[in-house]
């Protein structure tokens, strides 16, 4: 499901959305509304009246943990930057 969102340049784009429960009355069926998913790291979505708008996110996204070196980096023969040793085959004759 997608929902129409107006972006700062004036364009309206279809953004992935989902249903969110608004209320849970005891004797009636619950009400739902369609809202955009915040799946794009460049934009944050907000509602003004009945319309949805996008604005650029501020700040930086940083990883929670430092990247781990790949396991094969410790094996010299698997290094990409070193040339492979040359092997010479000599005939037995």
PDB file of N, CA and C in Angstrom:
ATOM      1  N   UNK A   1       0.840  -1.165   0.000  1.00  0.00           N
ATOM      2  CA  UNK A   1       0.000   0.000   0.000  1.00  0.00           C
ATOM      3  C   UNK A   1       0.891   1.236   0.000  1.00  0.00           C
ATOM      4  N   UNK A   2       0.522   2.211  -0.750  1.00  0.00           N
ATOM      5  CA  UNK A   2       1.295   3.444  -0.781  1.00  0.00           C
ATOM      6  C   UNK A   2       0.398   4.624  -0.428  1.00  0.00           C
ATOM      7  N   UNK A   3       1.038   5.708  -0.032  1.00  0.00           N
ATOM      8  CA  UNK A   3       0.320   6.910   0.360  1.00  0.00           C
ATOM      9  C   UNK A   3       0.982   8.097  -0.329  1.00  0.00           C
ATOM     10  N   UNK A   4       0.179   9.087  -0.729  1.00  0.00           N
ATOM     11  CA  UNK A   4       0.700  10.263  -1.419  1.00  0.00           C
ATOM     12  C   UNK A   4       1.323  11.219  -0.409  1.00  0.00           C
ATOM     13  N   UNK A   5       2.568  11.637  -0.688  1.00  0.00           N
ATOM     14  CA  UNK A   5       3.296  12.556   0.185  1.00  0.00           C
ATOM     15  C   UNK A   5       3.816  13.696  -0.678  1.00  0.00           C
ATOM     16  N   UNK A   6       3.634  14.936  -0.201  1.00  0.00           N
ATOM     17  CA  UNK A   6       4.131  16.111  -0.923  1.00  0.00           C
ATOM     18  C   UNK A   6       5.539  16.432  -0.428  1.00  0.00           C
ATOM     19  N   UNK A   7       6.476  16.568  -1.381  1.00  0.00           N
ATOM     20  CA  UNK A   7       7.870  16.835  -1.070  1.00  0.00           C
ATOM     21  C   UNK A   7       8.171  18.325  -1.215  1.00  0.00           C
ATOM     22  N   UNK A   8       9.291  18.805  -0.664  1.00  0.00           N
ATOM     23  CA  UNK A   8       9.599  20.236  -0.682  1.00  0.00           C
ATOM     24  C   UNK A   8       9.668  20.858  -2.080  1.00  0.00           C
ATOM     25  N   UNK A   9      10.005  20.070  -3.095  1.00  0.00           N
ATOM     26  CA  UNK A   9      10.058  20.619  -4.454  1.00  0.00           C
ATOM     27  C   UNK A   9       8.685  20.752  -5.089  1.00  0.00           C
ATOM     28  N   UNK A  10       7.622  20.375  -4.371  1.00  0.00           N
ATOM     29  CA  UNK A  10       6.256  20.495  -4.869  1.00  0.00           C
ATOM     30  C   UNK A  10       5.709  19.232  -5.497  1.00  0.00           C
ATOM     31  N   UNK A  11       6.547  18.236  -5.682  1.00  0.00           N
ATOM     32  CA  UNK A  11       6.081  16.990  -6.293  1.00  0.00           C
ATOM     33  C   UNK A  11       5.342  16.141  -5.264  1.00  0.00           C
ATOM     34  N   UNK A  12       4.451  15.307  -5.765  1.00  0.00           N
ATOM     35  CA  UNK A  12       3.728  14.359  -4.917  1.00  0.00           C
ATOM     36  C   UNK A  12       4.173  12.972  -5.336  1.00  0.00           C
ATOM     37  N   UNK A  13       4.693  12.204  -4.386  1.00  0.00           N
ATOM     38  CA  UNK A  13       5.202  10.869  -4.686  1.00  0.00           C
ATOM     39  C   UNK A  13       4.474   9.834  -3.851  1.00  0.00           C
ATOM     40  N   UNK A  14       4.389   8.633  -4.402  1.00  0.00           N
ATOM     41  CA  UNK A  14       3.796   7.507  -3.676  1.00  0.00           C
ATOM     42  C   UNK A  14       4.871   6.896  -2.783  1.00  0.00           C
ATOM     43  N   UNK A  15       4.614   6.880  -1.476  1.00  0.00           N
ATOM     44  CA  UNK A  15       5.559   6.373  -0.481  1.00  0.00           C
ATOM     45  C   UNK A  15       4.950   5.124   0.142  1.00  0.00           C
ATOM     46  N   UNK A  16       5.760   4.087   0.404  1.00  0.00           N
ATOM     47  CA  UNK A  16       5.200   2.899   1.066  1.00  0.00           C
ATOM     48  C   UNK A  16       4.555   3.277   2.398  1.00  0.00           C
ATOM     49  N   UNK A  17       3.403   2.666   2.664  1.00  0.00           N
ATOM     50  CA  UNK A  17       2.686   2.976   3.893  1.00  0.00           C
ATOM     51  C   UNK A  17       2.167   1.723   4.569  1.00  0.00           C
ATOM     52  N   UNK A  18       1.597   1.908   5.744  1.00  0.00           N
ATOM     53  CA  UNK A  18       0.995   0.800   6.477  1.00  0.00           C
ATOM     54  C   UNK A  18      -0.185   1.333   7.291  1.00  0.00           C
ATOM     55  N   UNK A  19      -1.007   0.416   7.766  1.00  0.00           N
ATOM     56  CA  UNK A  19      -2.143   0.805   8.588  1.00  0.00           C
ATOM     57  C   UNK A  19      -1.722   0.866  10.046  1.00  0.00           C
ATOM     58  N   UNK A  20      -2.111   1.956  10.722  1.00  0.00           N
ATOM     59  CA  UNK A  20      -1.833   2.120  12.145  1.00  0.00           C
ATOM     60  C   UNK A  20      -3.161   2.236  12.879  1.00  0.00           C
ATOM     61  N   UNK A  21      -3.267   1.532  13.989  1.00  0.00           N
ATOM     62  CA  UNK A  21      -4.500   1.551  14.766  1.00  0.00           C
ATOM     63  C   UNK A  21      -4.597   2.871  15.527  1.00  0.00           C
ATOM     64  N   UNK A  22      -5.758   3.531  15.401  1.00  0.00           N
ATOM     65  CA  UNK A  22      -5.970   4.817  16.061  1.00  0.00           C
ATOM     66  C   UNK A  22      -6.529   4.619  17.460  1.00  0.00           C
ATOM     67  N   UNK A  23      -7.575   3.832  17.576  1.00  0.00           N
ATOM     68  CA  UNK A  23      -8.202   3.615  18.875  1.00  0.00           C
ATOM     69  C   UNK A  23      -8.666   2.176  19.015  1.00  0.00           C
ATOM     70  N   UNK A  24      -9.012   1.801  20.221  1.00  0.00           N
ATOM     71  CA  UNK A  24      -9.461   0.447  20.500  1.00  0.00           C
ATOM     72  C   UNK A  24     -10.673   0.524  21.440  1.00  0.00           C
ATOM     73  N   UNK A  25     -11.836   0.895  20.882  1.00  0.00           N
ATOM     74  CA  UNK A  25     -13.018   0.990  21.749  1.00  0.00           C
ATOM     75  C   UNK A  25     -13.439  -0.395  22.237  1.00  0.00           C
ATOM     76  N   UNK A  26     -14.004  -0.476  23.439  1.00  0.00           N
ATOM     77  CA  UNK A  26     -14.319  -1.788  24.009  1.00  0.00           C
ATOM     78  C   UNK A  26     -15.396  -2.561  23.257  1.00  0.00           C
ATOM     79  N   UNK A  27     -16.409  -1.896  22.703  1.00  0.00           N
ATOM     80  CA  UNK A  27     -17.513  -2.633  22.090  1.00  0.00           C
ATOM     81  C   UNK A  27     -17.650  -2.394  20.596  1.00  0.00           C
ATOM     82  N   UNK A  28     -16.744  -1.659  20.008  1.00  0.00           N
ATOM     83  CA  UNK A  28     -16.809  -1.371  18.574  1.00  0.00           C
ATOM     84  C   UNK A  28     -15.515  -1.864  17.918  1.00  0.00           C
ATOM     85  N   UNK A  29     -15.545  -2.029  16.602  1.00  0.00           N
ATOM     86  CA  UNK A  29     -14.298  -2.398  15.919  1.00  0.00           C
ATOM     87  C   UNK A  29     -13.298  -1.235  15.978  1.00  0.00           C
ATOM     88  N   UNK A  30     -12.011  -1.529  16.038  1.00  0.00           N
ATOM     89  CA  UNK A  30     -11.005  -0.453  16.112  1.00  0.00           C
ATOM     90  C   UNK A  30     -10.921   0.336  14.811  1.00  0.00           C
ATOM     91  N   UNK A  31     -10.435   1.564  14.913  1.00  0.00           N
ATOM     92  CA  UNK A  31     -10.241   2.428  13.741  1.00  0.00           C
ATOM     93  C   UNK A  31      -8.776   2.401  13.335  1.00  0.00           C
ATOM     94  N   UNK A  32      -8.543   2.530  12.030  1.00  0.00           N
ATOM     95  CA  UNK A  32      -7.192   2.507  11.489  1.00  0.00           C
ATOM     96  C   UNK A  32      -6.998   3.699  10.572  1.00  0.00           C
ATOM     97  N   UNK A  33      -5.742   4.101  10.395  1.00  0.00           N
ATOM     98  CA  UNK A  33      -5.393   5.129   9.422  1.00  0.00           C
ATOM     99  C   UNK A  33      -4.168   4.660   8.650  1.00  0.00           C
ATOM    100  N   UNK A  34      -4.023   5.159   7.439  1.00  0.00           N
ATOM    101  CA  UNK A  34      -2.869   4.795   6.627  1.00  0.00           C
ATOM    102  C   UNK A  34      -1.800   5.868   6.820  1.00  0.00           C
ATOM    103  N   UNK A  35      -0.606   5.444   7.185  1.00  0.00           N
ATOM    104  CA  UNK A  35       0.512   6.365   7.425  1.00  0.00           C
ATOM    105  C   UNK A  35       1.728   5.898   6.628  1.00  0.00           C
ATOM    106  N   UNK A  36       2.611   6.831   6.235  1.00  0.00           N
ATOM    107  CA  UNK A  36       3.815   6.421   5.502  1.00  0.00           C
ATOM    108  C   UNK A  36       4.828   5.751   6.414  1.00  0.00           C
ATOM    109  N   UNK A  37       5.560   4.812   5.855  1.00  0.00           N
ATOM    110  CA  UNK A  37       6.667   4.169   6.580  1.00  0.00           C
ATOM    111  C   UNK A  37       7.880   5.090   6.541  1.00  0.00           C
ATOM    112  N   UNK A  38       8.585   5.183   7.629  1.00  0.00           N
ATOM    113  CA  UNK A  38       9.808   5.987   7.675  1.00  0.00           C
ATOM    114  C   UNK A  38      10.980   5.113   7.262  1.00  0.00           C
ATOM    115  N   UNK A  39      10.974   4.679   5.999  1.00  0.00           N
ATOM    116  CA  UNK A  39      11.992   3.734   5.524  1.00  0.00           C
ATOM    117  C   UNK A  39      13.078   4.412   4.696  1.00  0.00           C
ATOM    118  N   UNK A  40      12.969   5.708   4.452  1.00  0.00           N
ATOM    119  CA  UNK A  40      13.987   6.421   3.682  1.00  0.00           C
ATOM    120  C   UNK A  40      14.786   7.293   4.646  1.00  0.00           C
ATOM    121  N   UNK A  41      16.089   7.084   4.704  1.00  0.00           N
ATOM    122  CA  UNK A  41      16.912   7.807   5.669  1.00  0.00           C
ATOM    123  C   UNK A  41      17.061   9.288   5.329  1.00  0.00           C
ATOM    124  N   UNK A  42      16.648   9.686   4.131  1.00  0.00           N
ATOM    125  CA  UNK A  42      16.778  11.098   3.756  1.00  0.00           C
ATOM    126  C   UNK A  42      15.584  11.944   4.148  1.00  0.00           C
ATOM    127  N   UNK A  43      14.400  11.337   4.376  1.00  0.00           N
ATOM    128  CA  UNK A  43      13.171  12.097   4.603  1.00  0.00           C
ATOM    129  C   UNK A  43      12.468  11.669   5.881  1.00  0.00           C
ATOM    130  N   UNK A  44      11.785  12.622   6.505  1.00  0.00           N
ATOM    131  CA  UNK A  44      10.894  12.341   7.622  1.00  0.00           C
ATOM    132  C   UNK A  44       9.520  12.863   7.210  1.00  0.00           C
ATOM    133  N   UNK A  45       8.478  12.126   7.549  1.00  0.00           N
ATOM    134  CA  UNK A  45       7.126  12.468   7.097  1.00  0.00           C
ATOM    135  C   UNK A  45       6.301  12.988   8.265  1.00  0.00           C
ATOM    136  N   UNK A  46       5.484  14.013   7.997  1.00  0.00           N
ATOM    137  CA  UNK A  46       4.611  14.578   9.023  1.00  0.00           C
ATOM    138  C   UNK A  46       3.279  14.941   8.377  1.00  0.00           C
ATOM    139  N   UNK A  47       2.262  14.997   9.224  1.00  0.00           N
ATOM    140  CA  UNK A  47       0.918  15.306   8.732  1.00  0.00           C
ATOM    141  C   UNK A  47       0.583  16.754   9.067  1.00  0.00           C
ATOM    142  N   UNK A  48      -0.048  17.425   8.129  1.00  0.00           N
ATOM    143  CA  UNK A  48      -0.582  18.758   8.347  1.00  0.00           C
ATOM    144  C   UNK A  48      -2.003  18.739   7.802  1.00  0.00           C
ATOM    145  N   UNK A  49      -2.986  18.748   8.693  1.00  0.00           N
ATOM    146  CA  UNK A  49      -4.376  18.585   8.277  1.00  0.00           C
ATOM    147  C   UNK A  49      -4.614  17.143   7.872  1.00  0.00           C
ATOM    148  N   UNK A  50      -5.083  16.944   6.651  1.00  0.00           N
ATOM    149  CA  UNK A  50      -5.311  15.583   6.155  1.00  0.00           C
ATOM    150  C   UNK A  50      -4.231  15.138   5.174  1.00  0.00           C
ATOM    151  N   UNK A  51      -3.244  15.989   4.931  1.00  0.00           N
ATOM    152  CA  UNK A  51      -2.194  15.674   3.956  1.00  0.00           C
ATOM    153  C   UNK A  51      -0.890  15.321   4.660  1.00  0.00           C
ATOM    154  N   UNK A  52      -0.063  14.525   3.956  1.00  0.00           N
ATOM    155  CA  UNK A  52       1.249  14.143   4.442  1.00  0.00           C
ATOM    156  C   UNK A  52       2.313  14.912   3.670  1.00  0.00           C
ATOM    157  N   UNK A  53       3.356  15.368   4.392  1.00  0.00           N
ATOM    158  CA  UNK A  53       4.446  16.125   3.802  1.00  0.00           C
ATOM    159  C   UNK A  53       5.777  15.490   4.198  1.00  0.00           C
ATOM    160  N   UNK A  54       6.802  15.781   3.402  1.00  0.00           N
ATOM    161  CA  UNK A  54       8.151  15.275   3.681  1.00  0.00           C
ATOM    162  C   UNK A  54       9.075  16.457   3.917  1.00  0.00           C
ATOM    163  N   UNK A  55      10.022  16.272   4.824  1.00  0.00           N
ATOM    164  CA  UNK A  55      11.079  17.266   5.028  1.00  0.00           C
ATOM    165  C   UNK A  55      12.390  16.510   5.198  1.00  0.00           C
ATOM    166  N   UNK A  56      13.486  17.141   4.819  1.00  0.00           N
ATOM    167  CA  UNK A  56      14.776  16.446   4.948  1.00  0.00           C
ATOM    168  C   UNK A  56      15.100  16.168   6.417  1.00  0.00           C
ATOM    169  N   UNK A  57      15.706  15.006   6.653  1.00  0.00           N
ATOM    170  CA  UNK A  57      16.152  14.683   8.010  1.00  0.00           C
ATOM    171  C   UNK A  57      17.400  15.497   8.317  1.00  0.00           C
ATOM    172  N   UNK A  58      17.561  15.839   9.558  1.00  0.00           N
ATOM    173  CA  UNK A  58      18.782  16.525   9.969  1.00  0.00           C
ATOM    174  C   UNK A  58      19.576  15.585  10.856  1.00  0.00           C
ATOM    175  N   UNK A  59      20.868  15.789  10.879  1.00  0.00           N
ATOM    176  CA  UNK A  59      21.716  14.931  11.696  1.00  0.00           C
ATOM    177  C   UNK A  59      22.456  13.937  10.836  1.00  0.00           C
ATOM    178  N   UNK A  60      23.165  13.049  11.504  1.00  0.00           N
ATOM    179  CA  UNK A  60      23.960  12.038  10.816  1.00  0.00           C
ATOM    180  C   UNK A  60      23.538  10.656  11.280  1.00  0.00           C
ATOM    181  N   UNK A  61      23.650   9.712  10.391  1.00  0.00           N
ATOM    182  CA  UNK A  61      23.382   8.323  10.732  1.00  0.00           C
ATOM    183  C   UNK A  61      24.722   7.653  10.986  1.00  0.00           C
ATOM    184  N   UNK A  62      24.873   7.078  12.163  1.00  0.00           N
ATOM    185  CA  UNK A  62      26.120   6.395  12.497  1.00  0.00           C
ATOM    186  C   UNK A  62      25.821   4.961  12.881  1.00  0.00           C
ATOM    187  N   UNK A  63      26.713   4.047  12.563  1.00  0.00           N
ATOM    188  CA  UNK A  63      26.485   2.657  12.943  1.00  0.00           C
ATOM    189  C   UNK A  63      26.629   2.492  14.460  1.00  0.00           C
ATOM    190  N   UNK A  64      25.947   1.514  15.020  1.00  0.00           N
ATOM    191  CA  UNK A  64      25.999   1.258  16.450  1.00  0.00           C
ATOM    192  C   UNK A  64      27.321   0.627  16.876  1.00  0.00           C
ATOM    193  N   UNK A  65      27.922  -0.170  16.019  1.00  0.00           N
ATOM    194  CA  UNK A  65      29.176  -0.817  16.381  1.00  0.00           C
ATOM    195  C   UNK A  65      30.165  -0.646  15.227  1.00  0.00           C
ATOM    196  N   UNK A  66      31.465  -0.628  15.532  1.00  0.00           N
ATOM    197  CA  UNK A  66      32.447  -0.469  14.458  1.00  0.00           C
ATOM    198  C   UNK A  66      32.448  -1.687  13.544  1.00  0.00           C
ATOM    199  N   UNK A  67      32.763  -1.492  12.273  1.00  0.00           N
ATOM    200  CA  UNK A  67      32.804  -2.644  11.362  1.00  0.00           C
ATOM    201  C   UNK A  67      33.905  -3.619  11.756  1.00  0.00           C
ATOM    202  N   UNK A  68      33.633  -4.871  11.579  1.00  0.00           N
ATOM    203  CA  UNK A  68      34.582  -5.935  11.919  1.00  0.00           C
ATOM    204  C   UNK A  68      35.325  -6.333  10.654  1.00  0.00           C
ATOM    205  N   UNK A  69      36.648  -6.502  10.798  1.00  0.00           N
ATOM    206  CA  UNK A  69      37.430  -6.949   9.649  1.00  0.00           C
ATOM    207  C   UNK A  69      36.984  -8.346   9.229  1.00  0.00           C
ATOM    208  N   UNK A  70      37.036  -8.585   7.932  1.00  0.00           N
ATOM    209  CA  UNK A  70      36.639  -9.888   7.429  1.00  0.00           C
ATOM    210  C   UNK A  70      37.644 -10.943   7.897  1.00  0.00           C
ATOM    211  N   UNK A  71      37.160 -12.150   8.095  1.00  0.00           N
ATOM    212  CA  UNK A  71      37.990 -13.219   8.642  1.00  0.00           C
ATOM    213  C   UNK A  71      39.143 -13.598   7.740  1.00  0.00           C
ATOM    214  N   UNK A  72      39.005 -13.410   6.438  1.00  0.00           N
ATOM    215  CA  UNK A  72      40.043 -13.860   5.514  1.00  0.00           C
ATOM    216  C   UNK A  72      41.195 -12.853   5.403  1.00  0.00           C
ATOM    217  N   UNK A  73      41.072 -11.680   5.990  1.00  0.00           N
ATOM    218  CA  UNK A  73      42.159 -10.693   5.913  1.00  0.00           C
ATOM    219  C   UNK A  73      43.420 -11.180   6.622  1.00  0.00           C
ATOM    220  N   UNK A  74      43.288 -12.048   7.621  1.00  0.00           N
ATOM    221  CA  UNK A  74      44.448 -12.531   8.355  1.00  0.00           C
ATOM    222  C   UNK A  74      45.208 -13.624   7.597  1.00  0.00           C
ATOM    223  N   UNK A  75      44.649 -14.154   6.514  1.00  0.00           N
ATOM    224  CA  UNK A  75      45.302 -15.205   5.727  1.00  0.00           C
ATOM    225  C   UNK A  75      46.029 -14.539   4.567  1.00  0.00           C
ATOM    226  N   UNK A  76      47.362 -14.623   4.586  1.00  0.00           N
ATOM    227  CA  UNK A  76      48.173 -13.895   3.609  1.00  0.00           C
ATOM    228  C   UNK A  76      47.866 -14.297   2.166  1.00  0.00           C
ATOM    229  N   UNK A  77      47.611 -15.558   1.935  1.00  0.00           N
ATOM    230  CA  UNK A  77      47.380 -16.040   0.565  1.00  0.00           C
ATOM    231  C   UNK A  77      46.065 -15.507  -0.009  1.00  0.00           C
ATOM    232  N   UNK A  78      45.161 -15.051   0.844  1.00  0.00           N
ATOM    233  CA  UNK A  78      43.866 -14.561   0.366  1.00  0.00           C
ATOM    234  C   UNK A  78      43.819 -13.044   0.216  1.00  0.00           C
ATOM    235  N   UNK A  79      44.947 -12.368   0.469  1.00  0.00           N
ATOM    236  CA  UNK A  79      44.998 -10.914   0.362  1.00  0.00           C
ATOM    237  C   UNK A  79      44.880 -10.492  -1.096  1.00  0.00           C
ATOM    238  N   UNK A  80      44.142  -9.425  -1.346  1.00  0.00           N
ATOM    239  CA  UNK A  80      43.957  -8.932  -2.711  1.00  0.00           C
ATOM    240  C   UNK A  80      45.126  -8.085  -3.189  1.00  0.00           C
ATOM    241  N   UNK A  81      45.840  -7.455  -2.272  1.00  0.00           N
ATOM    242  CA  UNK A  81      46.873  -6.522  -2.685  1.00  0.00           C
ATOM    243  C   UNK A  81      48.227  -7.177  -2.952  1.00  0.00           C
ATOM    244  N   UNK A  82      48.418  -8.402  -2.489  1.00  0.00           N
ATOM    245  CA  UNK A  82      49.686  -9.084  -2.733  1.00  0.00           C
ATOM    246  C   UNK A  82      49.585  -9.960  -3.979  1.00  0.00           C
ATOM    247  N   UNK A  83      50.642  -9.962  -4.839  1.00  0.00           N
ATOM    248  CA  UNK A  83      50.592 -10.828  -6.025  1.00  0.00           C
ATOM    249  C   UNK A  83      50.734 -12.296  -5.611  1.00  0.00           C
ATOM    250  N   UNK A  84      50.155 -13.148  -6.401  1.00  0.00           N
ATOM    251  CA  UNK A  84      50.241 -14.581  -6.122  1.00  0.00           C
ATOM    252  C   UNK A  84      51.650 -15.080  -6.416  1.00  0.00           C
ATOM    253  N   UNK A  85      52.168 -16.004  -5.615  1.00  0.00           N
ATOM    254  CA  UNK A  85      53.514 -16.532  -5.885  1.00  0.00           C
ATOM    255  C   UNK A  85      53.514 -17.319  -7.191  1.00  0.00           C
ATOM    256  N   UNK A  86      54.579 -17.162  -7.931  1.00  0.00           N
ATOM    257  CA  UNK A  86      54.672 -17.869  -9.208  1.00  0.00           C
ATOM    258  C   UNK A  86      55.128 -19.303  -8.960  1.00  0.00           C
ATOM    259  N   UNK A  87      54.542 -20.225  -9.673  1.00  0.00           N
ATOM    260  CA  UNK A  87      54.930 -21.639  -9.563  1.00  0.00           C
ATOM    261  C   UNK A  87      55.498 -22.050 -10.907  1.00  0.00           C
ATOM    262  N   UNK A  88      56.619 -22.708 -10.847  1.00  0.00           N
ATOM    263  CA  UNK A  88      57.242 -23.167 -12.088  1.00  0.00           C
ATOM    264  C   UNK A  88      57.188 -24.683 -12.093  1.00  0.00           C
ATOM    265  N   UNK A  89      56.696 -25.184 -13.174  1.00  0.00           N
ATOM    266  CA  UNK A  89      56.634 -26.652 -13.334  1.00  0.00           C
ATOM    267  C   UNK A  89      57.802 -27.067 -14.197  1.00  0.00           C
ATOM    268  N   UNK A  90      58.592 -27.927 -13.671  1.00  0.00           N
ATOM    269  CA  UNK A  90      59.719 -28.445 -14.440  1.00  0.00           C
ATOM    270  C   UNK A  90      59.392 -29.839 -14.924  1.00  0.00           C
ATOM    271  N   UNK A  91      59.788 -30.120 -16.110  1.00  0.00           N
ATOM    272  CA  UNK A  91      59.512 -31.458 -16.649  1.00  0.00           C
ATOM    273  C   UNK A  91      60.455 -32.469 -16.004  1.00  0.00           C
ATOM    274  N   UNK A  92      59.960 -33.671 -15.826  1.00  0.00           N
ATOM    275  CA  UNK A  92      60.739 -34.737 -15.184  1.00  0.00           C
ATOM    276  C   UNK A  92      61.760 -35.348 -16.126  1.00  0.00           C
ATOM    277  N   UNK A  93      61.732 -34.979 -17.383  1.00  0.00           N
ATOM    278  CA  UNK A  93      62.643 -35.598 -18.340  1.00  0.00           C
ATOM    279  C   UNK A  93      64.017 -35.036 -18.338  1.00  0.00           C
TER     280      UNK A  93
END
